Amino acid sequence: MEQIHGHEVLHMMEGHSYTENSLKEAIKERFGEERLFYTCSADHLTIDELVVFLKERKKFIPAESGFTVDSSKICNH
């Protein structure tokens, strides 16, 4: 199965706010529950692993009801 780059998830988040659970559900709906993801420094990440990875790298910023993406931290390749 083809992996999807994590920046696709970050772009999906633009203009929306999420809780950790609602983000995971949105990823499942958009990309599929069994989909794996990769980033510039990791690959074969599950949805749960991807969310942890992005959070640890400070890709999220606080929003009204949870968090959203920090658009300045999305790679463009």
C-alpha atoms as a PDB file:
ATOM      1  CA  MET A   1       0.000   0.000   0.000  1.00  0.00           C
ATOM      2  CA  GLU A   2       1.302   3.437  -0.922  1.00  0.00           C
ATOM      3  CA  GLN A   3       2.242   5.702   1.981  1.00  0.00           C
ATOM      4  CA  ILE A   4       1.027   9.295   2.175  1.00  0.00           C
ATOM      5  CA  HIS A   5       3.284  12.180   3.180  1.00  0.00           C
ATOM      6  CA  GLY A   6       2.400  13.728   6.525  1.00  0.00           C
ATOM      7  CA  HIS A   7       2.139  17.180   4.955  1.00  0.00           C
ATOM      8  CA  GLU A   8      -1.066  15.986   3.265  1.00  0.00           C
ATOM      9  CA  VAL A   9      -2.589  15.671   6.745  1.00  0.00           C
ATOM     10  CA  LEU A  10      -1.281  19.112   7.695  1.00  0.00           C
ATOM     11  CA  HIS A  11      -2.829  20.651   4.569  1.00  0.00           C
ATOM     12  CA  MET A  12      -6.111  18.903   5.380  1.00  0.00           C
ATOM     13  CA  MET A  13      -6.042  20.593   8.788  1.00  0.00           C
ATOM     14  CA  GLU A  14      -5.701  24.139   7.448  1.00  0.00           C
ATOM     15  CA  GLY A  15      -8.662  26.286   8.450  1.00  0.00           C
ATOM     16  CA  HIS A  16     -10.035  23.660  10.862  1.00  0.00           C
ATOM     17  CA  SER A  17      -9.518  22.889  14.532  1.00  0.00           C
ATOM     18  CA  TYR A  18      -9.352  19.430  16.046  1.00  0.00           C
ATOM     19  CA  THR A  19      -8.961  17.500  19.232  1.00  0.00           C
ATOM     20  CA  GLU A  20      -6.561  14.581  19.037  1.00  0.00           C
ATOM     21  CA  ASN A  21      -9.460  12.138  18.634  1.00  0.00           C
ATOM     22  CA  SER A  22     -11.304  14.213  16.030  1.00  0.00           C
ATOM     23  CA  LEU A  23      -8.078  14.579  14.025  1.00  0.00           C
ATOM     24  CA  LYS A  24      -7.554  10.820  14.017  1.00  0.00           C
ATOM     25  CA  GLU A  25     -11.145  10.302  12.853  1.00  0.00           C
ATOM     26  CA  ALA A  26     -10.745  12.903  10.097  1.00  0.00           C
ATOM     27  CA  ILE A  27      -7.550  11.204   8.896  1.00  0.00           C
ATOM     28  CA  LYS A  28      -9.310   7.828   8.823  1.00  0.00           C
ATOM     29  CA  GLU A  29     -12.222   9.265   6.842  1.00  0.00           C
ATOM     30  CA  ARG A  30      -9.997  11.026   4.319  1.00  0.00           C
ATOM     31  CA  PHE A  31      -7.171   8.529   3.844  1.00  0.00           C
ATOM     32  CA  GLY A  32      -8.449   5.211   5.209  1.00  0.00           C
ATOM     33  CA  GLU A  33      -8.065   3.489   8.544  1.00  0.00           C
ATOM     34  CA  GLU A  34      -5.169   1.244   7.521  1.00  0.00           C
ATOM     35  CA  ARG A  35      -3.176   3.883   5.617  1.00  0.00           C
ATOM     36  CA  LEU A  36       0.474   4.411   6.540  1.00  0.00           C
ATOM     37  CA  PHE A  37       2.270   7.749   6.414  1.00  0.00           C
ATOM     38  CA  TYR A  38       5.790   9.047   5.983  1.00  0.00           C
ATOM     39  CA  THR A  39       7.557  12.315   6.737  1.00  0.00           C
ATOM     40  CA  CYS A  40      10.937  13.805   5.940  1.00  0.00           C
ATOM     41  CA  SER A  41      12.493  11.775   8.762  1.00  0.00           C
ATOM     42  CA  ALA A  42      10.227   8.760   9.403  1.00  0.00           C
ATOM     43  CA  ASP A  43       8.126   6.272   7.485  1.00  0.00           C
ATOM     44  CA  HIS A  44       5.554   3.521   7.908  1.00  0.00           C
ATOM     45  CA  LEU A  45       3.732   5.559  10.572  1.00  0.00           C
ATOM     46  CA  THR A  46       0.237   4.566  11.670  1.00  0.00           C
ATOM     47  CA  ILE A  47      -2.344   7.302  12.237  1.00  0.00           C
ATOM     48  CA  ASP A  48      -1.641   7.273  15.982  1.00  0.00           C
ATOM     49  CA  GLU A  49       2.116   7.411  15.424  1.00  0.00           C
ATOM     50  CA  LEU A  50       1.761  10.238  12.901  1.00  0.00           C
ATOM     51  CA  VAL A  51      -0.301  12.389  15.275  1.00  0.00           C
ATOM     52  CA  VAL A  52       2.283  11.889  18.054  1.00  0.00           C
ATOM     53  CA  PHE A  53       5.106  12.634  15.607  1.00  0.00           C
ATOM     54  CA  LEU A  54       3.484  15.886  14.425  1.00  0.00           C
ATOM     55  CA  LYS A  55       2.629  16.972  17.962  1.00  0.00           C
ATOM     56  CA  GLU A  56       6.180  16.345  19.182  1.00  0.00           C
ATOM     57  CA  ARG A  57       7.520  18.473  16.331  1.00  0.00           C
ATOM     58  CA  LYS A  58       5.263  21.380  17.296  1.00  0.00           C
ATOM     59  CA  LYS A  59       3.253  21.326  14.047  1.00  0.00           C
ATOM     60  CA  PHE A  60       0.070  22.221  15.952  1.00  0.00           C
ATOM     61  CA  ILE A  61      -1.000  25.495  17.541  1.00  0.00           C
ATOM     62  CA  PRO A  62      -3.838  26.099  20.004  1.00  0.00           C
ATOM     63  CA  ALA A  63      -7.262  26.920  18.554  1.00  0.00           C
ATOM     64  CA  GLU A  64     -10.735  27.577  19.963  1.00  0.00           C
ATOM     65  CA  SER A  65     -11.696  23.978  20.500  1.00  0.00           C
ATOM     66  CA  GLY A  66      -8.392  22.128  20.475  1.00  0.00           C
ATOM     67  CA  PHE A  67      -5.616  22.822  17.994  1.00  0.00           C
ATOM     68  CA  THR A  68      -4.958  23.514  14.338  1.00  0.00           C
ATOM     69  CA  VAL A  69      -1.919  23.349  12.093  1.00  0.00           C
ATOM     70  CA  ASP A  70       0.884  25.895  12.173  1.00  0.00           C
ATOM     71  CA  SER A  71       0.963  26.538   8.417  1.00  0.00           C
ATOM     72  CA  SER A  72       4.468  27.996   8.629  1.00  0.00           C
ATOM     73  CA  LYS A  73       5.733  24.519   9.578  1.00  0.00           C
ATOM     74  CA  ILE A  74       4.451  22.613   6.548  1.00  0.00           C
ATOM     75  CA  CYS A  75       7.187  21.487   4.195  1.00  0.00           C
ATOM     76  CA  ASN A  76       6.568  22.152   0.509  1.00  0.00           C
ATOM     77  CA  HIS A  77       8.165  19.310  -1.414  1.00  0.00           C
END
